[in-house]
Amino acid sequence: TEALKAGNRQRAMGIIAATTLGRVWLMATAVLLVGLLGDREA
């Protein structure tokens, strides 16, 4: 939103795209780690 207010639409889209991918990886990694290191049922 700050980038859009500054008139930098490309930066705003880049921020959203990068963090969307990062958020997916964060959740997938957490689930994978608990399944491998903890308990498969968990």
PDB file of all heavy atoms in Angstrom:
ATOM      1  N   THR A   1       0.833  -1.200   0.000  1.00  0.00           N
ATOM      2  CA  THR A   1       0.000   0.000   0.000  1.00  0.00           C
ATOM      3  C   THR A   1       0.868   1.251   0.000  1.00  0.00           C
ATOM      4  O   THR A   1       0.580   2.217  -0.715  1.00  0.00           O
ATOM      5  CB  THR A   1      -0.945   0.009   1.220  1.00  0.00           C
ATOM      6  OG1 THR A   1      -1.765  -1.169   1.166  1.00  0.00           O
ATOM      7  CG2 THR A   1      -1.830   1.235   1.240  1.00  0.00           C
ATOM      8  N   GLU A   2       1.952   1.218   0.785  1.00  0.00           N
ATOM      9  CA  GLU A   2       2.888   2.342   0.797  1.00  0.00           C
ATOM     10  C   GLU A   2       3.520   2.530  -0.586  1.00  0.00           C
ATOM     11  O   GLU A   2       3.685   3.659  -1.050  1.00  0.00           O
ATOM     12  CB  GLU A   2       3.977   2.122   1.836  1.00  0.00           C
ATOM     13  CG  GLU A   2       3.494   2.198   3.268  1.00  0.00           C
ATOM     14  CD  GLU A   2       4.538   1.742   4.266  1.00  0.00           C
ATOM     15  OE1 GLU A   2       5.674   1.398   3.862  1.00  0.00           O
ATOM     16  OE2 GLU A   2       4.219   1.718   5.469  1.00  0.00           O
ATOM     17  N   ALA A   3       3.891   1.418  -1.224  1.00  0.00           N
ATOM     18  CA  ALA A   3       4.494   1.502  -2.560  1.00  0.00           C
ATOM     19  C   ALA A   3       3.499   2.056  -3.575  1.00  0.00           C
ATOM     20  O   ALA A   3       3.870   2.847  -4.446  1.00  0.00           O
ATOM     21  CB  ALA A   3       4.997   0.129  -2.998  1.00  0.00           C
ATOM     22  N   LEU A   4       2.238   1.662  -3.458  1.00  0.00           N
ATOM     23  CA  LEU A   4       1.212   2.192  -4.372  1.00  0.00           C
ATOM     24  C   LEU A   4       1.006   3.684  -4.165  1.00  0.00           C
ATOM     25  O   LEU A   4       0.846   4.433  -5.133  1.00  0.00           O
ATOM     26  CB  LEU A   4      -0.108   1.447  -4.183  1.00  0.00           C
ATOM     27  CG  LEU A   4      -0.217   0.079  -4.827  1.00  0.00           C
ATOM     28  CD1 LEU A   4      -1.537  -0.582  -4.435  1.00  0.00           C
ATOM     29  CD2 LEU A   4      -0.090   0.164  -6.333  1.00  0.00           C
ATOM     30  N   LYS A   5       1.006   4.113  -2.910  1.00  0.00           N
ATOM     31  CA  LYS A   5       0.846   5.538  -2.629  1.00  0.00           C
ATOM     32  C   LYS A   5       2.011   6.345  -3.191  1.00  0.00           C
ATOM     33  O   LYS A   5       1.840   7.500  -3.567  1.00  0.00           O
ATOM     34  CB  LYS A   5       0.713   5.776  -1.128  1.00  0.00           C
ATOM     35  CG  LYS A   5      -0.628   5.360  -0.579  1.00  0.00           C
ATOM     36  CD  LYS A   5      -0.718   5.615   0.903  1.00  0.00           C
ATOM     37  CE  LYS A   5      -2.055   5.149   1.441  1.00  0.00           C
ATOM     38  NZ  LYS A   5      -2.143   5.300   2.905  1.00  0.00           N
ATOM     39  N   ALA A   6       3.192   5.716  -3.226  1.00  0.00           N
ATOM     40  CA  ALA A   6       4.374   6.382  -3.784  1.00  0.00           C
ATOM     41  C   ALA A   6       4.400   6.301  -5.306  1.00  0.00           C
ATOM     42  O   ALA A   6       5.317   6.813  -5.944  1.00  0.00           O
ATOM     43  CB  ALA A   6       5.637   5.761  -3.204  1.00  0.00           C
ATOM     44  N   GLY A   7       3.409   5.616  -5.891  1.00  0.00           N
ATOM     45  CA  GLY A   7       3.314   5.507  -7.343  1.00  0.00           C
ATOM     46  C   GLY A   7       4.144   4.385  -7.937  1.00  0.00           C
ATOM     47  O   GLY A   7       4.366   4.346  -9.144  1.00  0.00           O
ATOM     48  N   ASN A   8       4.600   3.451  -7.102  1.00  0.00           N
ATOM     49  CA  ASN A   8       5.443   2.354  -7.578  1.00  0.00           C
ATOM     50  C   ASN A   8       4.627   1.060  -7.619  1.00  0.00           C
ATOM     51  O   ASN A   8       4.725   0.212  -6.739  1.00  0.00           O
ATOM     52  CB  ASN A   8       6.669   2.203  -6.677  1.00  0.00           C
ATOM     53  CG  ASN A   8       7.756   1.370  -7.312  1.00  0.00           C
ATOM     54  OD1 ASN A   8       7.510   0.628  -8.259  1.00  0.00           O
ATOM     55  ND2 ASN A   8       8.952   1.488  -6.776  1.00  0.00           N
ATOM     56  N   ARG A   9       3.834   0.917  -8.652  1.00  0.00           N
ATOM     57  CA  ARG A   9       2.943  -0.235  -8.794  1.00  0.00           C
ATOM     58  C   ARG A   9       3.720  -1.551  -8.951  1.00  0.00           C
ATOM     59  O   ARG A   9       3.335  -2.578  -8.421  1.00  0.00           O
ATOM     60  CB  ARG A   9       2.030  -0.011  -9.996  1.00  0.00           C
ATOM     61  CG  ARG A   9       0.977  -1.055 -10.172  1.00  0.00           C
ATOM     62  CD  ARG A   9       0.121  -0.712 -11.409  1.00  0.00           C
ATOM     63  NE  ARG A   9      -0.932  -1.667 -11.549  1.00  0.00           N
ATOM     64  CZ  ARG A   9      -2.182  -1.445 -11.206  1.00  0.00           C
ATOM     65  NH1 ARG A   9      -2.538  -0.290 -10.702  1.00  0.00           N
ATOM     66  NH2 ARG A   9      -3.096  -2.375 -11.377  1.00  0.00           N
ATOM     67  N   GLN A  10       4.844  -1.496  -9.685  1.00  0.00           N
ATOM     68  CA  GLN A  10       5.636  -2.706  -9.912  1.00  0.00           C
ATOM     69  C   GLN A  10       6.207  -3.231  -8.593  1.00  0.00           C
ATOM     70  O   GLN A  10       6.202  -4.436  -8.347  1.00  0.00           O
ATOM     71  CB  GLN A  10       6.755  -2.410 -10.900  1.00  0.00           C
ATOM     72  CG  GLN A  10       7.514  -3.644 -11.344  1.00  0.00           C
ATOM     73  CD  GLN A  10       8.519  -3.332 -12.440  1.00  0.00           C
ATOM     74  OE1 GLN A  10       8.777  -2.179 -12.757  1.00  0.00           O
ATOM     75  NE2 GLN A  10       9.070  -4.379 -13.015  1.00  0.00           N
ATOM     76  N   ARG A  11       6.668  -2.345  -7.741  1.00  0.00           N
ATOM     77  CA  ARG A  11       7.197  -2.765  -6.442  1.00  0.00           C
ATOM     78  C   ARG A  11       6.081  -3.377  -5.584  1.00  0.00           C
ATOM     79  O   ARG A  11       6.283  -4.385  -4.917  1.00  0.00           O
ATOM     80  CB  ARG A  11       7.836  -1.588  -5.726  1.00  0.00           C
ATOM     81  CG  ARG A  11       8.350  -1.930  -4.329  1.00  0.00           C
ATOM     82  CD  ARG A  11       9.185  -0.791  -3.758  1.00  0.00           C
ATOM     83  NE  ARG A  11       9.403  -0.883  -2.332  1.00  0.00           N
ATOM     84  CZ  ARG A  11      10.202  -1.753  -1.745  1.00  0.00           C
ATOM     85  NH1 ARG A  11      10.871  -2.623  -2.458  1.00  0.00           N
ATOM     86  NH2 ARG A  11      10.333  -1.755  -0.433  1.00  0.00           N
ATOM     87  N   ALA A  12       4.915  -2.766  -5.618  1.00  0.00           N
ATOM     88  CA  ALA A  12       3.788  -3.281  -4.840  1.00  0.00           C
ATOM     89  C   ALA A  12       3.429  -4.697  -5.279  1.00  0.00           C
ATOM     90  O   ALA A  12       3.219  -5.584  -4.443  1.00  0.00           O
ATOM     91  CB  ALA A  12       2.586  -2.356  -4.975  1.00  0.00           C
ATOM     92  N   MET A  13       3.378  -4.919  -6.583  1.00  0.00           N
ATOM     93  CA  MET A  13       3.059  -6.258  -7.088  1.00  0.00           C
ATOM     94  C   MET A  13       4.165  -7.255  -6.738  1.00  0.00           C
ATOM     95  O   MET A  13       3.888  -8.413  -6.431  1.00  0.00           O
ATOM     96  CB  MET A  13       2.835  -6.215  -8.603  1.00  0.00           C
ATOM     97  CG  MET A  13       1.606  -5.429  -9.006  1.00  0.00           C
ATOM     98  SD  MET A  13       0.085  -6.058  -8.273  1.00  0.00           S
ATOM     99  CE  MET A  13      -0.045  -7.625  -9.086  1.00  0.00           C
ATOM    100  N   GLY A  14       5.415  -6.815  -6.784  1.00  0.00           N
ATOM    101  CA  GLY A  14       6.536  -7.675  -6.419  1.00  0.00           C
ATOM    102  C   GLY A  14       6.490  -8.096  -4.963  1.00  0.00           C
ATOM    103  O   GLY A  14       6.763  -9.253  -4.625  1.00  0.00           O
ATOM    104  N   ILE A  15       6.128  -7.164  -4.103  1.00  0.00           N
ATOM    105  CA  ILE A  15       6.015  -7.470  -2.667  1.00  0.00           C
ATOM    106  C   ILE A  15       4.948  -8.529  -2.442  1.00  0.00           C
ATOM    107  O   ILE A  15       5.166  -9.512  -1.734  1.00  0.00           O
ATOM    108  CB  ILE A  15       5.703  -6.189  -1.866  1.00  0.00           C
ATOM    109  CG1 ILE A  15       6.914  -5.265  -1.848  1.00  0.00           C
ATOM    110  CG2 ILE A  15       5.256  -6.523  -0.450  1.00  0.00           C
ATOM    111  CD1 ILE A  15       6.618  -3.873  -1.315  1.00  0.00           C
ATOM    112  N   ILE A  16       3.789  -8.341  -3.044  1.00  0.00           N
ATOM    113  CA  ILE A  16       2.692  -9.298  -2.866  1.00  0.00           C
ATOM    114  C   ILE A  16       3.063 -10.668  -3.436  1.00  0.00           C
ATOM    115  O   ILE A  16       2.831 -11.697  -2.807  1.00  0.00           O
ATOM    116  CB  ILE A  16       1.389  -8.757  -3.500  1.00  0.00           C
ATOM    117  CG1 ILE A  16       0.928  -7.497  -2.770  1.00  0.00           C
ATOM    118  CG2 ILE A  16       0.298  -9.812  -3.514  1.00  0.00           C
ATOM    119  CD1 ILE A  16       0.602  -7.701  -1.303  1.00  0.00           C
ATOM    120  N   ALA A  17       3.657 -10.691  -4.624  1.00  0.00           N
ATOM    121  CA  ALA A  17       4.023 -11.967  -5.253  1.00  0.00           C
ATOM    122  C   ALA A  17       5.060 -12.718  -4.422  1.00  0.00           C
ATOM    123  O   ALA A  17       4.912 -13.919  -4.172  1.00  0.00           O
ATOM    124  CB  ALA A  17       4.553 -11.721  -6.664  1.00  0.00           C
ATOM    125  N   ALA A  18       6.092 -12.030  -3.997  1.00  0.00           N
ATOM    126  CA  ALA A  18       7.163 -12.691  -3.238  1.00  0.00           C
ATOM    127  C   ALA A  18       6.666 -13.207  -1.897  1.00  0.00           C
ATOM    128  O   ALA A  18       6.983 -14.336  -1.504  1.00  0.00           O
ATOM    129  CB  ALA A  18       8.328 -11.724  -3.037  1.00  0.00           C
ATOM    130  N   THR A  19       5.886 -12.405  -1.207  1.00  0.00           N
ATOM    131  CA  THR A  19       5.418 -12.852   0.103  1.00  0.00           C
ATOM    132  C   THR A  19       4.361 -13.942  -0.008  1.00  0.00           C
ATOM    133  O   THR A  19       4.263 -14.788   0.886  1.00  0.00           O
ATOM    134  CB  THR A  19       4.876 -11.682   0.941  1.00  0.00           C
ATOM    135  OG1 THR A  19       3.853 -11.012   0.221  1.00  0.00           O
ATOM    136  CG2 THR A  19       5.986 -10.711   1.295  1.00  0.00           C
ATOM    137  N   THR A  20       3.601 -13.957  -1.072  1.00  0.00           N
ATOM    138  CA  THR A  20       2.634 -15.041  -1.261  1.00  0.00           C
ATOM    139  C   THR A  20       3.353 -16.373  -1.403  1.00  0.00           C
ATOM    140  O   THR A  20       2.979 -17.363  -0.762  1.00  0.00           O
ATOM    141  CB  THR A  20       1.747 -14.774  -2.488  1.00  0.00           C
ATOM    142  OG1 THR A  20       1.016 -13.562  -2.273  1.00  0.00           O
ATOM    143  CG2 THR A  20       0.770 -15.910  -2.728  1.00  0.00           C
ATOM    144  N   LEU A  21       4.386 -16.395  -2.219  1.00  0.00           N
ATOM    145  CA  LEU A  21       5.171 -17.632  -2.359  1.00  0.00           C
ATOM    146  C   LEU A  21       5.845 -18.003  -1.049  1.00  0.00           C
ATOM    147  O   LEU A  21       5.879 -19.174  -0.661  1.00  0.00           O
ATOM    148  CB  LEU A  21       6.215 -17.473  -3.469  1.00  0.00           C
ATOM    149  CG  LEU A  21       5.666 -17.404  -4.884  1.00  0.00           C
ATOM    150  CD1 LEU A  21       6.783 -17.092  -5.866  1.00  0.00           C
ATOM    151  CD2 LEU A  21       5.003 -18.721  -5.244  1.00  0.00           C
ATOM    152  N   GLY A  22       6.388 -17.021  -0.362  1.00  0.00           N
ATOM    153  CA  GLY A  22       7.047 -17.285   0.919  1.00  0.00           C
ATOM    154  C   GLY A  22       6.093 -17.834   1.961  1.00  0.00           C
ATOM    155  O   GLY A  22       6.451 -18.727   2.742  1.00  0.00           O
ATOM    156  N   ARG A  23       4.875 -17.315   1.989  1.00  0.00           N
ATOM    157  CA  ARG A  23       3.890 -17.806   2.958  1.00  0.00           C
ATOM    158  C   ARG A  23       3.511 -19.257   2.684  1.00  0.00           C
ATOM    159  O   ARG A  23       3.364 -20.059   3.614  1.00  0.00           O
ATOM    160  CB  ARG A  23       2.641 -16.907   2.922  1.00  0.00           C
ATOM    161  CG  ARG A  23       2.911 -15.547   3.500  1.00  0.00           C
ATOM    162  CD  ARG A  23       1.785 -14.535   3.360  1.00  0.00           C
ATOM    163  NE  ARG A  23       0.472 -15.084   3.206  1.00  0.00           N
ATOM    164  CZ  ARG A  23      -0.371 -14.691   2.246  1.00  0.00           C
ATOM    165  NH1 ARG A  23      -0.027 -13.786   1.369  1.00  0.00           N
ATOM    166  NH2 ARG A  23      -1.572 -15.210   2.187  1.00  0.00           N
ATOM    167  N   VAL A  24       3.383 -19.613   1.431  1.00  0.00           N
ATOM    168  CA  VAL A  24       3.072 -21.004   1.079  1.00  0.00           C
ATOM    169  C   VAL A  24       4.212 -21.920   1.515  1.00  0.00           C
ATOM    170  O   VAL A  24       3.984 -22.978   2.104  1.00  0.00           O
ATOM    171  CB  VAL A  24       2.793 -21.134  -0.432  1.00  0.00           C
ATOM    172  CG1 VAL A  24       2.705 -22.592  -0.837  1.00  0.00           C
ATOM    173  CG2 VAL A  24       1.512 -20.404  -0.801  1.00  0.00           C
ATOM    174  N   TRP A  25       5.442 -21.508   1.232  1.00  0.00           N
ATOM    175  CA  TRP A  25       6.605 -22.312   1.633  1.00  0.00           C
ATOM    176  C   TRP A  25       6.701 -22.427   3.154  1.00  0.00           C
ATOM    177  O   TRP A  25       7.052 -23.485   3.682  1.00  0.00           O
ATOM    178  CB  TRP A  25       7.892 -21.720   1.066  1.00  0.00           C
ATOM    179  CG  TRP A  25       8.147 -22.180  -0.328  1.00  0.00           C
ATOM    180  CD1 TRP A  25       7.863 -21.509  -1.485  1.00  0.00           C
ATOM    181  CD2 TRP A  25       8.703 -23.423  -0.736  1.00  0.00           C
ATOM    182  NE1 TRP A  25       8.210 -22.259  -2.571  1.00  0.00           N
ATOM    183  CE2 TRP A  25       8.738 -23.444  -2.141  1.00  0.00           C
ATOM    184  CE3 TRP A  25       9.180 -24.526  -0.041  1.00  0.00           C
ATOM    185  CZ2 TRP A  25       9.227 -24.517  -2.855  1.00  0.00           C
ATOM    186  CZ3 TRP A  25       9.675 -25.602  -0.754  1.00  0.00           C
ATOM    187  CH2 TRP A  25       9.690 -25.591  -2.142  1.00  0.00           C
ATOM    188  N   LEU A  26       6.399 -21.377   3.865  1.00  0.00           N
ATOM    189  CA  LEU A  26       6.429 -21.407   5.327  1.00  0.00           C
ATOM    190  C   LEU A  26       5.477 -22.458   5.876  1.00  0.00           C
ATOM    191  O   LEU A  26       5.860 -23.292   6.704  1.00  0.00           O
ATOM    192  CB  LEU A  26       6.065 -20.027   5.882  1.00  0.00           C
ATOM    193  CG  LEU A  26       5.831 -19.945   7.389  1.00  0.00           C
ATOM    194  CD1 LEU A  26       7.157 -20.024   8.128  1.00  0.00           C
ATOM    195  CD2 LEU A  26       5.099 -18.677   7.745  1.00  0.00           C
ATOM    196  N   MET A  27       4.247 -22.450   5.388  1.00  0.00           N
ATOM    197  CA  MET A  27       3.259 -23.405   5.891  1.00  0.00           C
ATOM    198  C   MET A  27       3.600 -24.833   5.477  1.00  0.00           C
ATOM    199  O   MET A  27       3.487 -25.766   6.275  1.00  0.00           O
ATOM    200  CB  MET A  27       1.860 -23.012   5.416  1.00  0.00           C
ATOM    201  CG  MET A  27       1.358 -21.751   6.067  1.00  0.00           C
ATOM    202  SD  MET A  27      -0.322 -21.312   5.607  1.00  0.00           S
ATOM    203  CE  MET A  27      -0.149 -20.971   3.875  1.00  0.00           C
ATOM    204  N   ALA A  28       4.019 -25.010   4.230  1.00  0.00           N
ATOM    205  CA  ALA A  28       4.359 -26.355   3.754  1.00  0.00           C
ATOM    206  C   ALA A  28       5.547 -26.924   4.515  1.00  0.00           C
ATOM    207  O   ALA A  28       5.557 -28.112   4.880  1.00  0.00           O
ATOM    208  CB  ALA A  28       4.651 -26.318   2.260  1.00  0.00           C
ATOM    209  N   THR A  29       6.544 -26.097   4.781  1.00  0.00           N
ATOM    210  CA  THR A  29       7.722 -26.562   5.517  1.00  0.00           C
ATOM    211  C   THR A  29       7.363 -26.940   6.943  1.00  0.00           C
ATOM    212  O   THR A  29       7.832 -27.962   7.459  1.00  0.00           O
ATOM    213  CB  THR A  29       8.814 -25.471   5.503  1.00  0.00           C
ATOM    214  OG1 THR A  29       9.148 -25.175   4.146  1.00  0.00           O
ATOM    215  CG2 THR A  29      10.053 -25.925   6.238  1.00  0.00           C
ATOM    216  N   ALA A  30       6.538 -26.144   7.591  1.00  0.00           N
ATOM    217  CA  ALA A  30       6.127 -26.454   8.963  1.00  0.00           C
ATOM    218  C   ALA A  30       5.383 -27.784   9.028  1.00  0.00           C
ATOM    219  O   ALA A  30       5.665 -28.627   9.896  1.00  0.00           O
ATOM    220  CB  ALA A  30       5.252 -25.333   9.517  1.00  0.00           C
ATOM    221  N   VAL A  31       4.469 -28.003   8.101  1.00  0.00           N
ATOM    222  CA  VAL A  31       3.702 -29.252   8.074  1.00  0.00           C
ATOM    223  C   VAL A  31       4.625 -30.434   7.782  1.00  0.00           C
ATOM    224  O   VAL A  31       4.535 -31.484   8.426  1.00  0.00           O
ATOM    225  CB  VAL A  31       2.557 -29.162   7.040  1.00  0.00           C
ATOM    226  CG1 VAL A  31       1.945 -30.515   6.775  1.00  0.00           C
ATOM    227  CG2 VAL A  31       1.497 -28.180   7.520  1.00  0.00           C
ATOM    228  N   LEU A  32       5.515 -30.270   6.831  1.00  0.00           N
ATOM    229  CA  LEU A  32       6.445 -31.339   6.479  1.00  0.00           C
ATOM    230  C   LEU A  32       7.352 -31.693   7.653  1.00  0.00           C
ATOM    231  O   LEU A  32       7.552 -32.876   7.959  1.00  0.00           O
ATOM    232  CB  LEU A  32       7.277 -30.929   5.267  1.00  0.00           C
ATOM    233  CG  LEU A  32       8.279 -31.959   4.754  1.00  0.00           C
ATOM    234  CD1 LEU A  32       7.541 -33.201   4.244  1.00  0.00           C
ATOM    235  CD2 LEU A  32       9.150 -31.366   3.674  1.00  0.00           C
ATOM    236  N   LEU A  33       7.879 -30.688   8.318  1.00  0.00           N
ATOM    237  CA  LEU A  33       8.780 -30.947   9.442  1.00  0.00           C
ATOM    238  C   LEU A  33       8.091 -31.651  10.595  1.00  0.00           C
ATOM    239  O   LEU A  33       8.659 -32.570  11.187  1.00  0.00           O
ATOM    240  CB  LEU A  33       9.414 -29.641   9.922  1.00  0.00           C
ATOM    241  CG  LEU A  33      10.508 -29.064   9.032  1.00  0.00           C
ATOM    242  CD1 LEU A  33      10.994 -27.727   9.571  1.00  0.00           C
ATOM    243  CD2 LEU A  33      11.666 -30.044   8.891  1.00  0.00           C
ATOM    244  N   VAL A  34       6.876 -31.237  10.910  1.00  0.00           N
ATOM    245  CA  VAL A  34       6.186 -31.909  12.021  1.00  0.00           C
ATOM    246  C   VAL A  34       5.846 -33.349  11.634  1.00  0.00           C
ATOM    247  O   VAL A  34       5.889 -34.243  12.474  1.00  0.00           O
ATOM    248  CB  VAL A  34       4.937 -31.139  12.497  1.00  0.00           C
ATOM    249  CG1 VAL A  34       3.759 -31.313  11.568  1.00  0.00           C
ATOM    250  CG2 VAL A  34       4.540 -31.592  13.888  1.00  0.00           C
ATOM    251  N   GLY A  35       5.573 -33.590  10.370  1.00  0.00           N
ATOM    252  CA  GLY A  35       5.283 -34.953   9.926  1.00  0.00           C
ATOM    253  C   GLY A  35       6.512 -35.838   9.920  1.00  0.00           C
ATOM    254  O   GLY A  35       6.435 -37.024  10.232  1.00  0.00           O
ATOM    255  N   LEU A  36       7.660 -35.280   9.548  1.00  0.00           N
ATOM    256  CA  LEU A  36       8.898 -36.067   9.487  1.00  0.00           C
ATOM    257  C   LEU A  36       9.589 -36.193  10.836  1.00  0.00           C
ATOM    258  O   LEU A  36      10.072 -37.270  11.192  1.00  0.00           O
ATOM    259  CB  LEU A  36       9.866 -35.436   8.478  1.00  0.00           C
ATOM    260  CG  LEU A  36       9.441 -35.495   7.016  1.00  0.00           C
ATOM    261  CD1 LEU A  36      10.434 -34.729   6.153  1.00  0.00           C
ATOM    262  CD2 LEU A  36       9.334 -36.940   6.549  1.00  0.00           C
ATOM    263  N   LEU A  37       9.673 -35.105  11.577  1.00  0.00           N
ATOM    264  CA  LEU A  37      10.410 -35.114  12.838  1.00  0.00           C
ATOM    265  C   LEU A  37       9.539 -35.464  14.036  1.00  0.00           C
ATOM    266  O   LEU A  37      10.041 -35.968  15.037  1.00  0.00           O
ATOM    267  CB  LEU A  37      11.057 -33.741  13.074  1.00  0.00           C
ATOM    268  CG  LEU A  37      12.034 -33.274  11.995  1.00  0.00           C
ATOM    269  CD1 LEU A  37      12.527 -31.863  12.307  1.00  0.00           C
ATOM    270  CD2 LEU A  37      13.190 -34.241  11.848  1.00  0.00           C
ATOM    271  N   GLY A  38       8.281 -35.177  13.948  1.00  0.00           N
ATOM    272  CA  GLY A  38       7.372 -35.444  15.053  1.00  0.00           C
ATOM    273  C   GLY A  38       6.626 -36.740  14.823  1.00  0.00           C
ATOM    274  O   GLY A  38       7.176 -37.835  14.889  1.00  0.00           O
ATOM    275  N   ASP A  39       5.383 -36.604  14.505  1.00  0.00           N
ATOM    276  CA  ASP A  39       4.492 -37.747  14.336  1.00  0.00           C
ATOM    277  C   ASP A  39       3.774 -37.592  12.998  1.00  0.00           C
ATOM    278  O   ASP A  39       3.338 -36.500  12.642  1.00  0.00           O
ATOM    279  CB  ASP A  39       3.483 -37.734  15.496  1.00  0.00           C
ATOM    280  CG  ASP A  39       2.470 -38.841  15.438  1.00  0.00           C
ATOM    281  OD1 ASP A  39       2.734 -39.863  14.788  1.00  0.00           O
ATOM    282  OD2 ASP A  39       1.394 -38.676  16.053  1.00  0.00           O
ATOM    283  N   ARG A  40       3.663 -38.681  12.266  1.00  0.00           N
ATOM    284  CA  ARG A  40       2.999 -38.606  10.949  1.00  0.00           C
ATOM    285  C   ARG A  40       1.541 -38.179  11.083  1.00  0.00           C
ATOM    286  O   ARG A  40       1.020 -37.432  10.258  1.00  0.00           O
ATOM    287  CB  ARG A  40       3.086 -39.952  10.236  1.00  0.00           C
ATOM    288  CG  ARG A  40       4.502 -40.266   9.781  1.00  0.00           C
ATOM    289  CD  ARG A  40       4.556 -41.552   9.056  1.00  0.00           C
ATOM    290  NE  ARG A  40       3.905 -41.361   7.751  1.00  0.00           N
ATOM    291  CZ  ARG A  40       3.956 -42.219   6.785  1.00  0.00           C
ATOM    292  NH1 ARG A  40       4.606 -43.351   6.938  1.00  0.00           N
ATOM    293  NH2 ARG A  40       3.351 -41.989   5.645  1.00  0.00           N
ATOM    294  N   GLU A  41       0.881 -38.666  12.127  1.00  0.00           N
ATOM    295  CA  GLU A  41      -0.518 -38.283  12.335  1.00  0.00           C
ATOM    296  C   GLU A  41      -0.635 -36.788  12.638  1.00  0.00           C
ATOM    297  O   GLU A  41      -1.554 -36.111  12.158  1.00  0.00           O
ATOM    298  CB  GLU A  41      -1.133 -39.098  13.477  1.00  0.00           C
ATOM    299  CG  GLU A  41      -2.614 -38.849  13.657  1.00  0.00           C
ATOM    300  CD  GLU A  41      -3.232 -39.674  14.765  1.00  0.00           C
ATOM    301  OE1 GLU A  41      -2.551 -40.559  15.328  1.00  0.00           O
ATOM    302  OE2 GLU A  41      -4.401 -39.415  15.070  1.00  0.00           O
ATOM    303  N   ALA A  42       0.310 -36.255  13.405  1.00  0.00           N
ATOM    304  CA  ALA A  42       0.314 -34.819  13.698  1.00  0.00           C
ATOM    305  C   ALA A  42       0.534 -34.022  12.412  1.00  0.00           C
ATOM    306  O   ALA A  42      -0.096 -32.983  12.194  1.00  0.00           O
ATOM    307  CB  ALA A  42       1.392 -34.480  14.722  1.00  0.00           C
TER     308      ALA A  42
END
